[in-house]
Amino acid sequence: MEGMDMNFIRKLPTPLELKTEYPVTKKIEKIKEKRDQELADIFTGKDHRLLLIIGPCSADNEDAVIDYISRLRDVQERVKDVIFMVPRIYTNKPRTIGKGYKGMLHQPDPNQHEDMLKGIIAIRHMHKRAVEETGFTCADEMLYPENHRYLSDLLSYVAVGARSSEDQQHRLVAGGVGIPVGMKNPTGGDLSVMMNSITAAQAPNMFLYRGWEVQTQGNPLAHAILRGAVDRFGNNIPNYHYEHLQQVFEMYQEKGLQNPAVIVDTNHSNSGKKYLEQIRISEDVMHSCHISKDIHNLVKGLMIESYIEDGNQGPHDGCYGKSITDPCLGWEKTERLIYQLADLWDM
């Protein structure tokens, strides 16, 4: 194409074309409708269960992911009166320096070359399979706002990452997705940036999206995710403590936003990616909730990175159910933690 240093490989199907070719069933529609309502009730304070957005850092192997969330299903059944789970099936991963595994959207098989056509089909297939086989509608990261609609009839939760929450398009699209959207604090830790992103997502807007002029009504379920920060020397600075939660509560009051809510991301810069710390951090947040009624009402849940095996591995090491991106909590520790959280939240 003249004047552009890009090789246009092929035109991909539109979301509508992909949905027509790989449609959802009536069963999936009913499950999503019910779970979307339950999630909305948690964020509006009608349902007081603890929300767990839990699962692998990246969904790199369909069978392992389905195996993992099938295990979650059994545990969910036992704690259903206290905890509501939304599994993480994260199919596109931000890469700070542009290199590395970018998720199944780019590379449906981590051992093969990138193939975006196979990728959009693979992620839709995996999310469909999750609902059909486990009854879970899942969470994904909105790394590319224009790609959200490939999965919009399957997802119940979306996160906007630390590097994306300052971006205008992410904020405006978050206002029109119709499900809860968590806006992470930026990596520098400025909480006012996060609050501005929530304000923008909750407001009606008109903008350009996928070649269309679109209008949104705003998303009253847009909310904060605290993921810790990194200072200019590269040190991790956690922001899950009582004082931080109190500060976010006060910022919500000042802004007058709808449905004040926080999800605490127990990994990333809160744990310094030391995945075992997620257990202690989860307990710490529960403790803050017991000390302060305001914080208890504000904190809706936790985001936990967990998979079948502890830790992480290289992209070609081949250990089943072990993360090829950030290290995760293994299954046995995860199961114990969920039961522990059910006891702590129900106190």
Foldseek 3Di string as FASTA:
>chain_A
DPPDPDDDDDDADALVVLCVVVPADPLLLVLLVVVQVVQVCLLQVNQQAFEEAEEAPEQQDLVQRLVFVQVVLVLCVVLVNHYDYAYEHEAAQDDPVPDDDGGLCQPNHLVDHGDNNVSLNSVQVSLSCNCVPRSHQHEYEPPDLLSCSNCLSRHQEYEYDQVGLLPPVVLCSLLASSHAYEYEHHQQRPVVSSVVSQVSQQDWDWDAHPNDTDTGRHDLRYAYEYEFHAHPVRATGHQLALVNLVVQLVVCVVVVGHRQAYEYELAHSNPVLPQVSSLVSLVRLLVSVVVDVSSSSHYRYYYFHEWADFFADDSPPDDRTAHNPGTHHHDVVVSVSVVVSSVSSVD
